[in-house]
Amino acid sequence: MRGLFHFALLLLLSPLVLAGEPPTPPTGYDWVTYEEGKLSVLCPQSWFVKKEVQNDTIALFVSKEDIDKNNGLFQTGFSMNYMQRVSTHVHASPSTYASGLIATIAKLHPPVLKNETAHPAPGISTFTLRINDNSRLQITTEYLVVADDPRDTMRVISFEAPAEEWDAAWKIGDTMLKNLILQ
């Protein structure tokens, strides 16, 4: 019965996978497991990885550019901020805060794609949003926000690239997000 529950949960959370050992990575990728951030993500073999911890927020960056050589910035890559004790910091449940965050981003940048999967598992909400930032940066960003009310945590996951490079970059980003493993 437990196996059936996990299978149903995986179907509901697609593209997310919960827990488990990472499978053999596709050609050209390696797995990066970040225990503190409770996830594993595919990393293109020529890309860079940076991990940071600041108080209750744990961050992981997987980028085409070396963040350490670019003043902490990159143009193309994956970011994950894993926030713990969300309700203590924002005085709202993770799902309420995540919904408001997505709404705020959507107000600032009309979405190209928006999806909310309310409660794919008890207490978990996911939100997906893709925007084109038409400011001077001309960046396209895909957001995936996973709010876990029982654990009082939230992950803000994104993949971004310059708009003119989006189609090629998204092939990599889509692979990374579809194979993301959360613990």
N, C-alpha and C. Protein backbone atom coordinates (compact mmCIF):
# COMPACT_ATOMS: atom_id res chain seq x y z
N MET A 1 0.82 -1.19 0.00
CA MET A 1 0.00 0.00 0.00
C MET A 1 0.86 1.26 0.00
N ARG A 2 1.97 1.22 0.77
CA ARG A 2 2.85 2.37 0.83
C ARG A 2 3.43 2.67 -0.55
N GLY A 3 3.82 1.64 -1.31
CA GLY A 3 4.36 1.83 -2.65
C GLY A 3 3.34 2.46 -3.58
N LEU A 4 2.08 2.07 -3.45
CA LEU A 4 1.02 2.65 -4.27
C LEU A 4 0.84 4.12 -3.94
N PHE A 5 0.91 4.46 -2.63
CA PHE A 5 0.80 5.85 -2.22
C PHE A 5 1.92 6.69 -2.83
N HIS A 6 3.16 6.18 -2.76
CA HIS A 6 4.30 6.92 -3.32
C HIS A 6 4.17 7.08 -4.83
N PHE A 7 3.67 6.05 -5.51
CA PHE A 7 3.48 6.14 -6.95
C PHE A 7 2.45 7.22 -7.28
N ALA A 8 1.33 7.22 -6.56
CA ALA A 8 0.28 8.23 -6.79
C ALA A 8 0.82 9.63 -6.50
N LEU A 9 1.61 9.75 -5.44
CA LEU A 9 2.19 11.03 -5.09
C LEU A 9 3.13 11.53 -6.19
N LEU A 10 3.94 10.64 -6.74
CA LEU A 10 4.85 11.03 -7.82
C LEU A 10 4.08 11.50 -9.04
N LEU A 11 2.99 10.84 -9.37
CA LEU A 11 2.18 11.27 -10.50
C LEU A 11 1.61 12.66 -10.27
N LEU A 12 1.15 12.90 -9.06
CA LEU A 12 0.56 14.19 -8.74
C LEU A 12 1.60 15.31 -8.73
N LEU A 13 2.81 15.00 -8.31
CA LEU A 13 3.84 16.03 -8.20
C LEU A 13 4.66 16.23 -9.45
N SER A 14 4.43 15.43 -10.45
CA SER A 14 5.23 15.55 -11.66
C SER A 14 5.30 17.02 -12.06
N PRO A 15 6.48 17.60 -12.32
CA PRO A 15 7.74 16.96 -12.58
C PRO A 15 8.58 16.66 -11.35
N LEU A 16 8.10 16.88 -10.16
CA LEU A 16 8.90 16.65 -8.97
C LEU A 16 8.95 15.18 -8.61
N VAL A 17 10.07 14.76 -8.05
CA VAL A 17 10.20 13.43 -7.48
C VAL A 17 10.53 13.63 -6.02
N LEU A 18 9.88 12.89 -5.14
CA LEU A 18 10.16 13.02 -3.72
C LEU A 18 11.07 11.89 -3.26
N ALA A 19 12.18 12.28 -2.63
CA ALA A 19 13.14 11.36 -2.00
C ALA A 19 13.69 10.33 -2.96
N GLY A 20 14.40 9.37 -2.40
CA GLY A 20 14.98 8.31 -3.21
C GLY A 20 16.36 8.64 -3.72
N GLU A 21 17.02 7.60 -4.19
CA GLU A 21 18.36 7.75 -4.77
C GLU A 21 18.23 8.26 -6.20
N PRO A 22 19.10 9.17 -6.60
CA PRO A 22 19.06 9.63 -7.99
C PRO A 22 19.38 8.49 -8.95
N PRO A 23 18.66 8.42 -10.06
CA PRO A 23 18.97 7.41 -11.08
C PRO A 23 20.24 7.81 -11.84
N THR A 24 20.67 6.98 -12.74
CA THR A 24 21.81 7.32 -13.59
C THR A 24 21.48 8.59 -14.35
N PRO A 25 22.36 9.60 -14.31
CA PRO A 25 22.05 10.86 -14.99
C PRO A 25 22.12 10.71 -16.51
N PRO A 26 21.39 11.56 -17.22
CA PRO A 26 21.51 11.56 -18.68
C PRO A 26 22.93 11.93 -19.10
N THR A 27 23.30 11.56 -20.29
CA THR A 27 24.62 11.91 -20.82
C THR A 27 24.82 13.43 -20.77
N GLY A 28 25.98 13.83 -20.26
CA GLY A 28 26.32 15.25 -20.19
C GLY A 28 25.95 15.91 -18.87
N TYR A 29 25.34 15.15 -17.96
CA TYR A 29 24.92 15.69 -16.67
C TYR A 29 25.50 14.84 -15.53
N ASP A 30 25.64 15.47 -14.37
CA ASP A 30 25.96 14.78 -13.13
C ASP A 30 24.93 15.22 -12.10
N TRP A 31 24.75 14.42 -11.06
CA TRP A 31 23.86 14.81 -9.98
C TRP A 31 24.60 15.67 -8.97
N VAL A 32 23.94 16.71 -8.49
CA VAL A 32 24.41 17.50 -7.36
C VAL A 32 23.39 17.26 -6.26
N THR A 33 23.84 16.70 -5.14
CA THR A 33 22.96 16.48 -4.00
C THR A 33 23.34 17.48 -2.93
N TYR A 34 22.36 18.18 -2.43
CA TYR A 34 22.58 19.19 -1.42
C TYR A 34 21.77 18.78 -0.19
N GLU A 35 22.44 18.10 0.74
CA GLU A 35 21.76 17.55 1.91
C GLU A 35 21.05 18.65 2.70
N GLU A 36 21.72 19.78 2.92
CA GLU A 36 21.12 20.86 3.71
C GLU A 36 19.86 21.40 3.03
N GLY A 37 19.86 21.45 1.71
CA GLY A 37 18.71 21.93 0.96
C GLY A 37 17.70 20.84 0.64
N LYS A 38 18.03 19.62 1.02
CA LYS A 38 17.15 18.47 0.86
C LYS A 38 16.69 18.28 -0.59
N LEU A 39 17.67 18.29 -1.52
CA LEU A 39 17.33 18.02 -2.90
C LEU A 39 18.54 17.54 -3.69
N SER A 40 18.24 16.93 -4.83
CA SER A 40 19.24 16.57 -5.82
C SER A 40 18.78 17.14 -7.14
N VAL A 41 19.71 17.69 -7.90
CA VAL A 41 19.39 18.30 -9.19
C VAL A 41 20.47 17.92 -10.19
N LEU A 42 20.07 17.79 -11.44
CA LEU A 42 21.05 17.52 -12.50
C LEU A 42 21.85 18.78 -12.79
N CYS A 43 23.14 18.59 -13.03
CA CYS A 43 24.03 19.70 -13.35
C CYS A 43 24.74 19.38 -14.66
N PRO A 44 24.60 20.23 -15.69
CA PRO A 44 25.39 20.02 -16.89
C PRO A 44 26.87 19.98 -16.52
N GLN A 45 27.62 19.08 -17.14
CA GLN A 45 28.99 18.82 -16.70
C GLN A 45 29.93 20.02 -16.81
N SER A 46 29.64 20.98 -17.65
CA SER A 46 30.54 22.14 -17.76
C SER A 46 30.06 23.33 -16.92
N TRP A 47 29.00 23.16 -16.12
CA TRP A 47 28.44 24.25 -15.35
C TRP A 47 29.05 24.31 -13.94
N PHE A 48 28.70 25.37 -13.22
CA PHE A 48 29.27 25.66 -11.91
C PHE A 48 28.20 25.49 -10.82
N VAL A 49 28.66 25.14 -9.63
CA VAL A 49 27.76 24.92 -8.49
C VAL A 49 28.22 25.80 -7.33
N LYS A 50 27.27 26.45 -6.69
CA LYS A 50 27.56 27.25 -5.49
C LYS A 50 26.46 26.98 -4.47
N LYS A 51 26.88 26.78 -3.23
CA LYS A 51 25.95 26.53 -2.13
C LYS A 51 26.17 27.61 -1.06
N GLU A 52 25.07 28.06 -0.47
CA GLU A 52 25.15 29.07 0.58
C GLU A 52 24.12 28.77 1.67
N VAL A 53 24.45 29.14 2.89
CA VAL A 53 23.51 29.04 4.01
C VAL A 53 23.54 30.38 4.73
N GLN A 54 22.36 30.98 4.90
CA GLN A 54 22.23 32.21 5.67
C GLN A 54 21.00 32.07 6.56
N ASN A 55 21.25 31.92 7.85
CA ASN A 55 20.18 31.74 8.83
C ASN A 55 19.28 30.57 8.44
N ASP A 56 17.98 30.81 8.23
CA ASP A 56 17.04 29.74 7.91
C ASP A 56 16.85 29.54 6.41
N THR A 57 17.70 30.15 5.59
CA THR A 57 17.58 29.99 4.14
C THR A 57 18.84 29.32 3.60
N ILE A 58 18.60 28.28 2.83
CA ILE A 58 19.68 27.51 2.23
C ILE A 58 19.55 27.67 0.72
N ALA A 59 20.64 28.01 0.04
CA ALA A 59 20.57 28.29 -1.39
C ALA A 59 21.52 27.40 -2.17
N LEU A 60 21.08 27.06 -3.37
CA LEU A 60 21.90 26.30 -4.31
C LEU A 60 21.79 26.98 -5.67
N PHE A 61 22.91 27.16 -6.33
CA PHE A 61 22.95 27.74 -7.66
C PHE A 61 23.71 26.80 -8.58
N VAL A 62 23.15 26.51 -9.72
CA VAL A 62 23.81 25.72 -10.76
C VAL A 62 23.76 26.59 -12.00
N SER A 63 24.92 27.08 -12.44
CA SER A 63 24.91 28.09 -13.49
C SER A 63 25.94 27.84 -14.58
N LYS A 64 25.62 28.36 -15.73
CA LYS A 64 26.51 28.28 -16.88
C LYS A 64 27.77 29.12 -16.64
N GLU A 65 27.58 30.25 -15.96
CA GLU A 65 28.69 31.16 -15.65
C GLU A 65 29.18 30.90 -14.22
N ASP A 66 30.44 31.17 -13.98
CA ASP A 66 31.02 31.00 -12.65
C ASP A 66 30.61 32.20 -11.79
N ILE A 67 29.71 31.97 -10.86
CA ILE A 67 29.18 33.04 -10.01
C ILE A 67 30.31 33.73 -9.24
N ASP A 68 31.27 32.97 -8.77
CA ASP A 68 32.35 33.56 -7.97
C ASP A 68 33.23 34.51 -8.77
N LYS A 69 33.25 34.38 -10.09
CA LYS A 69 34.05 35.27 -10.93
C LYS A 69 33.22 36.39 -11.54
N ASN A 70 31.90 36.41 -11.23
CA ASN A 70 31.00 37.41 -11.80
C ASN A 70 30.25 38.18 -10.72
N ASN A 71 30.94 38.50 -9.62
CA ASN A 71 30.33 39.28 -8.54
C ASN A 71 29.03 38.68 -8.02
N GLY A 72 28.96 37.36 -7.97
CA GLY A 72 27.78 36.69 -7.44
C GLY A 72 26.61 36.61 -8.41
N LEU A 73 26.84 36.89 -9.68
CA LEU A 73 25.76 36.92 -10.67
C LEU A 73 25.95 35.86 -11.74
N PHE A 74 24.85 35.48 -12.36
CA PHE A 74 24.89 34.62 -13.54
C PHE A 74 23.74 35.00 -14.44
N GLN A 75 23.84 34.62 -15.71
CA GLN A 75 22.76 34.89 -16.67
C GLN A 75 21.90 33.68 -16.92
N THR A 76 22.51 32.51 -16.96
CA THR A 76 21.77 31.28 -17.28
C THR A 76 21.99 30.29 -16.16
N GLY A 77 20.88 29.82 -15.57
CA GLY A 77 21.06 28.81 -14.55
C GLY A 77 19.86 28.58 -13.66
N PHE A 78 20.08 27.69 -12.71
CA PHE A 78 19.10 27.19 -11.76
C PHE A 78 19.40 27.78 -10.39
N SER A 79 18.36 28.17 -9.67
CA SER A 79 18.50 28.65 -8.30
C SER A 79 17.47 27.95 -7.43
N MET A 80 17.84 27.66 -6.20
CA MET A 80 16.90 27.12 -5.24
C MET A 80 17.16 27.78 -3.90
N ASN A 81 16.12 28.36 -3.33
CA ASN A 81 16.18 28.87 -1.97
C ASN A 81 15.23 28.03 -1.13
N TYR A 82 15.78 27.35 -0.14
CA TYR A 82 15.01 26.49 0.74
C TYR A 82 14.86 27.24 2.05
N MET A 83 13.63 27.65 2.34
CA MET A 83 13.37 28.45 3.53
C MET A 83 12.71 27.59 4.60
N GLN A 84 13.27 27.66 5.79
CA GLN A 84 12.76 26.90 6.93
C GLN A 84 12.08 27.84 7.91
N ARG A 85 11.17 27.30 8.71
CA ARG A 85 10.45 28.09 9.71
C ARG A 85 9.80 29.32 9.06
N VAL A 86 9.14 29.08 7.94
CA VAL A 86 8.54 30.17 7.16
C VAL A 86 7.55 30.97 7.99
N SER A 87 6.65 30.28 8.70
CA SER A 87 5.61 31.00 9.43
C SER A 87 6.19 31.91 10.51
N THR A 88 7.33 31.57 11.06
CA THR A 88 7.99 32.42 12.05
C THR A 88 8.46 33.72 11.43
N HIS A 89 8.94 33.65 10.19
CA HIS A 89 9.51 34.82 9.54
C HIS A 89 8.48 35.70 8.85
N VAL A 90 7.43 35.09 8.28
CA VAL A 90 6.48 35.88 7.48
C VAL A 90 5.08 35.92 8.10
N HIS A 91 4.89 35.23 9.21
CA HIS A 91 3.62 35.21 9.93
C HIS A 91 2.46 34.76 9.04
N ALA A 92 2.75 33.77 8.21
CA ALA A 92 1.75 33.14 7.36
C ALA A 92 2.22 31.72 7.07
N SER A 93 1.31 30.86 6.67
CA SER A 93 1.71 29.50 6.31
C SER A 93 2.53 29.56 5.03
N PRO A 94 3.38 28.57 4.80
CA PRO A 94 4.15 28.55 3.56
C PRO A 94 3.27 28.63 2.31
N SER A 95 2.14 27.92 2.29
CA SER A 95 1.29 27.94 1.09
C SER A 95 0.66 29.32 0.87
N THR A 96 0.27 29.98 1.95
CA THR A 96 -0.29 31.34 1.82
C THR A 96 0.77 32.30 1.32
N TYR A 97 1.96 32.20 1.90
CA TYR A 97 3.05 33.08 1.47
C TYR A 97 3.45 32.80 0.02
N ALA A 98 3.53 31.53 -0.36
CA ALA A 98 3.90 31.17 -1.74
C ALA A 98 2.88 31.69 -2.74
N SER A 99 1.61 31.56 -2.43
CA SER A 99 0.56 32.06 -3.30
C SER A 99 0.68 33.57 -3.49
N GLY A 100 0.95 34.28 -2.40
CA GLY A 100 1.14 35.73 -2.48
C GLY A 100 2.38 36.11 -3.25
N LEU A 101 3.45 35.34 -3.08
CA LEU A 101 4.69 35.60 -3.81
C LEU A 101 4.47 35.48 -5.31
N ILE A 102 3.81 34.40 -5.73
CA ILE A 102 3.54 34.19 -7.15
C ILE A 102 2.63 35.29 -7.69
N ALA A 103 1.63 35.68 -6.91
CA ALA A 103 0.72 36.76 -7.34
C ALA A 103 1.48 38.07 -7.51
N THR A 104 2.40 38.35 -6.60
CA THR A 104 3.19 39.58 -6.70
C THR A 104 4.08 39.57 -7.93
N ILE A 105 4.76 38.46 -8.18
CA ILE A 105 5.61 38.36 -9.37
C ILE A 105 4.76 38.52 -10.62
N ALA A 106 3.58 37.88 -10.65
CA ALA A 106 2.70 37.96 -11.82
C ALA A 106 2.19 39.39 -12.05
N LYS A 107 2.00 40.17 -10.98
CA LYS A 107 1.58 41.57 -11.13
C LYS A 107 2.70 42.40 -11.75
N LEU A 108 3.92 42.14 -11.32
CA LEU A 108 5.06 42.90 -11.82
C LEU A 108 5.43 42.53 -13.26
N HIS A 109 5.25 41.26 -13.60
CA HIS A 109 5.61 40.75 -14.92
C HIS A 109 4.49 39.82 -15.39
N PRO A 110 3.66 40.27 -16.33
CA PRO A 110 2.57 39.40 -16.79
C PRO A 110 3.11 38.03 -17.20
N PRO A 111 2.51 36.97 -16.65
CA PRO A 111 3.05 35.62 -16.90
C PRO A 111 2.80 35.12 -18.31
N VAL A 112 3.78 34.36 -18.78
CA VAL A 112 3.65 33.64 -20.03
C VAL A 112 2.95 32.31 -19.74
N LEU A 113 3.21 31.77 -18.56
CA LEU A 113 2.66 30.50 -18.13
C LEU A 113 2.42 30.57 -16.64
N LYS A 114 1.25 30.11 -16.18
CA LYS A 114 0.97 30.10 -14.75
C LYS A 114 0.14 28.87 -14.43
N ASN A 115 0.52 28.17 -13.35
CA ASN A 115 -0.19 26.96 -12.97
C ASN A 115 -0.11 26.80 -11.46
N GLU A 116 -1.21 26.42 -10.86
CA GLU A 116 -1.22 26.12 -9.43
C GLU A 116 -1.77 24.72 -9.26
N THR A 117 -1.04 23.89 -8.58
CA THR A 117 -1.52 22.55 -8.24
C THR A 117 -1.74 22.58 -6.74
N ALA A 118 -2.97 22.76 -6.34
CA ALA A 118 -3.27 22.86 -4.92
C ALA A 118 -3.22 21.48 -4.29
N HIS A 119 -2.35 21.31 -3.34
CA HIS A 119 -2.26 20.12 -2.51
C HIS A 119 -2.10 18.81 -3.28
N PRO A 120 -0.99 18.65 -4.02
CA PRO A 120 -0.74 17.36 -4.68
C PRO A 120 -0.49 16.25 -3.66
N ALA A 121 -0.16 16.65 -2.45
CA ALA A 121 -0.05 15.74 -1.31
C ALA A 121 -0.54 16.53 -0.11
N PRO A 122 -0.96 15.87 0.95
CA PRO A 122 -1.49 16.61 2.10
C PRO A 122 -0.52 17.69 2.59
N GLY A 123 -0.98 18.93 2.57
CA GLY A 123 -0.20 20.04 3.09
C GLY A 123 0.83 20.61 2.14
N ILE A 124 0.94 20.07 0.93
CA ILE A 124 1.93 20.56 -0.04
C ILE A 124 1.20 21.25 -1.18
N SER A 125 1.68 22.44 -1.53
CA SER A 125 1.14 23.18 -2.67
C SER A 125 2.28 23.53 -3.60
N THR A 126 2.03 23.46 -4.91
CA THR A 126 3.04 23.86 -5.88
C THR A 126 2.47 24.93 -6.79
N PHE A 127 3.34 25.84 -7.19
CA PHE A 127 2.97 26.94 -8.07
C PHE A 127 4.04 27.06 -9.14
N THR A 128 3.63 27.21 -10.40
CA THR A 128 4.57 27.37 -11.50
C THR A 128 4.23 28.66 -12.23
N LEU A 129 5.24 29.40 -12.59
CA LEU A 129 5.05 30.68 -13.27
C LEU A 129 6.24 30.92 -14.19
N ARG A 130 5.98 31.32 -15.42
CA ARG A 130 7.06 31.74 -16.33
C ARG A 130 6.80 33.18 -16.72
N ILE A 131 7.85 33.99 -16.61
CA ILE A 131 7.73 35.40 -16.96
C ILE A 131 8.83 35.82 -17.92
N ASN A 132 8.56 36.87 -18.63
CA ASN A 132 9.57 37.56 -19.42
C ASN A 132 9.79 38.90 -18.75
N ASP A 133 10.98 39.12 -18.25
CA ASP A 133 11.33 40.40 -17.66
C ASP A 133 11.76 41.30 -18.80
N ASN A 134 10.89 42.21 -19.18
CA ASN A 134 11.18 43.07 -20.32
C ASN A 134 11.88 44.35 -19.93
N SER A 135 12.49 44.35 -18.75
CA SER A 135 13.29 45.50 -18.36
C SER A 135 14.58 45.47 -19.18
N ARG A 136 15.53 46.20 -18.77
CA ARG A 136 16.80 46.25 -19.52
C ARG A 136 17.50 44.90 -19.58
N LEU A 137 17.15 43.96 -18.67
CA LEU A 137 17.84 42.68 -18.63
C LEU A 137 17.35 41.68 -19.67
N GLN A 138 16.07 41.76 -20.07
CA GLN A 138 15.50 40.84 -21.05
C GLN A 138 15.77 39.38 -20.67
N ILE A 139 15.26 38.99 -19.50
CA ILE A 139 15.46 37.65 -18.96
C ILE A 139 14.13 36.91 -18.93
N THR A 140 14.15 35.63 -19.26
CA THR A 140 12.99 34.77 -19.08
C THR A 140 13.28 33.88 -17.89
N THR A 141 12.30 33.76 -16.99
CA THR A 141 12.47 32.96 -15.77
C THR A 141 11.28 32.05 -15.57
N GLU A 142 11.55 30.79 -15.28
CA GLU A 142 10.53 29.82 -14.89
C GLU A 142 10.67 29.61 -13.40
N TYR A 143 9.59 29.85 -12.65
CA TYR A 143 9.57 29.65 -11.21
C TYR A 143 8.78 28.39 -10.87
N LEU A 144 9.26 27.66 -9.90
CA LEU A 144 8.53 26.56 -9.30
C LEU A 144 8.63 26.78 -7.79
N VAL A 145 7.49 27.00 -7.15
CA VAL A 145 7.47 27.23 -5.71
C VAL A 145 6.76 26.05 -5.06
N VAL A 146 7.42 25.43 -4.10
CA VAL A 146 6.87 24.28 -3.40
C VAL A 146 6.73 24.66 -1.93
N ALA A 147 5.48 24.74 -1.47
CA ALA A 147 5.19 25.09 -0.08
C ALA A 147 4.78 23.83 0.66
N ASP A 148 5.42 23.60 1.79
CA ASP A 148 5.14 22.41 2.60
C ASP A 148 4.69 22.89 3.99
N ASP A 149 3.38 23.00 4.16
CA ASP A 149 2.84 23.52 5.41
C ASP A 149 3.18 22.66 6.63
N PRO A 150 3.05 21.32 6.55
CA PRO A 150 3.38 20.52 7.75
C PRO A 150 4.83 20.68 8.21
N ARG A 151 5.76 20.86 7.28
CA ARG A 151 7.17 21.03 7.66
C ARG A 151 7.55 22.50 7.84
N ASP A 152 6.61 23.40 7.52
CA ASP A 152 6.84 24.84 7.63
C ASP A 152 8.04 25.28 6.79
N THR A 153 8.10 24.74 5.57
CA THR A 153 9.19 25.08 4.65
C THR A 153 8.64 25.49 3.29
N MET A 154 9.49 26.15 2.54
CA MET A 154 9.13 26.56 1.18
C MET A 154 10.40 26.58 0.34
N ARG A 155 10.27 26.10 -0.88
CA ARG A 155 11.37 26.17 -1.85
C ARG A 155 10.95 27.09 -2.98
N VAL A 156 11.79 28.06 -3.28
CA VAL A 156 11.60 28.88 -4.46
C VAL A 156 12.69 28.46 -5.43
N ILE A 157 12.25 27.80 -6.48
CA ILE A 157 13.16 27.22 -7.47
C ILE A 157 12.96 27.98 -8.77
N SER A 158 14.04 28.31 -9.44
CA SER A 158 13.88 29.01 -10.71
C SER A 158 14.98 28.60 -11.69
N PHE A 159 14.65 28.78 -12.95
CA PHE A 159 15.63 28.63 -14.02
C PHE A 159 15.48 29.87 -14.87
N GLU A 160 16.59 30.53 -15.16
CA GLU A 160 16.53 31.76 -15.95
C GLU A 160 17.60 31.78 -17.01
N ALA A 161 17.31 32.56 -18.05
CA ALA A 161 18.26 32.73 -19.16
C ALA A 161 17.88 33.99 -19.92
N PRO A 162 18.84 34.58 -20.64
CA PRO A 162 18.50 35.71 -21.49
C PRO A 162 17.40 35.31 -22.48
N ALA A 163 16.45 36.21 -22.70
CA ALA A 163 15.29 35.90 -23.54
C ALA A 163 15.69 35.38 -24.92
N GLU A 164 16.73 35.96 -25.51
CA GLU A 164 17.13 35.53 -26.85
C GLU A 164 17.76 34.14 -26.87
N GLU A 165 18.15 33.64 -25.71
CA GLU A 165 18.73 32.30 -25.60
C GLU A 165 17.78 31.29 -24.95
N TRP A 166 16.55 31.73 -24.65
CA TRP A 166 15.64 30.91 -23.85
C TRP A 166 15.37 29.54 -24.44
N ASP A 167 15.04 29.45 -25.69
CA ASP A 167 14.65 28.16 -26.27
C ASP A 167 15.75 27.11 -26.09
N ALA A 168 16.98 27.47 -26.38
CA ALA A 168 18.09 26.53 -26.22
C ALA A 168 18.36 26.26 -24.74
N ALA A 169 18.35 27.31 -23.92
CA ALA A 169 18.63 27.15 -22.49
C ALA A 169 17.53 26.34 -21.81
N TRP A 170 16.27 26.52 -22.24
CA TRP A 170 15.17 25.83 -21.59
C TRP A 170 15.24 24.32 -21.78
N LYS A 171 15.87 23.85 -22.83
CA LYS A 171 16.05 22.41 -22.99
C LYS A 171 16.83 21.85 -21.80
N ILE A 172 17.82 22.60 -21.35
CA ILE A 172 18.59 22.21 -20.17
C ILE A 172 17.76 22.42 -18.91
N GLY A 173 17.13 23.58 -18.78
CA GLY A 173 16.33 23.88 -17.60
C GLY A 173 15.18 22.91 -17.40
N ASP A 174 14.52 22.56 -18.48
CA ASP A 174 13.41 21.62 -18.42
C ASP A 174 13.90 20.25 -17.93
N THR A 175 15.06 19.83 -18.43
CA THR A 175 15.64 18.56 -17.97
C THR A 175 15.95 18.63 -16.48
N MET A 176 16.50 19.74 -16.03
CA MET A 176 16.84 19.89 -14.61
C MET A 176 15.58 19.85 -13.73
N LEU A 177 14.56 20.60 -14.12
CA LEU A 177 13.35 20.67 -13.31
C LEU A 177 12.54 19.39 -13.34
N LYS A 178 12.49 18.73 -14.48
CA LYS A 178 11.71 17.51 -14.57
C LYS A 178 12.35 16.35 -13.81
N ASN A 179 13.63 16.46 -13.53
CA ASN A 179 14.34 15.40 -12.82
C ASN A 179 14.72 15.79 -11.39
N LEU A 180 14.22 16.89 -10.93
CA LEU A 180 14.50 17.38 -9.59
C LEU A 180 14.02 16.38 -8.55
N ILE A 181 14.84 16.09 -7.56
CA ILE A 181 14.46 15.17 -6.48
C ILE A 181 14.44 15.94 -5.17
N LEU A 182 13.27 15.99 -4.54
CA LEU A 182 13.12 16.65 -3.25
C LEU A 182 13.06 15.62 -2.14
N GLN A 183 13.67 15.95 -1.01
CA GLN A 183 13.66 15.02 0.13
C GLN A 183 12.78 15.56 1.24
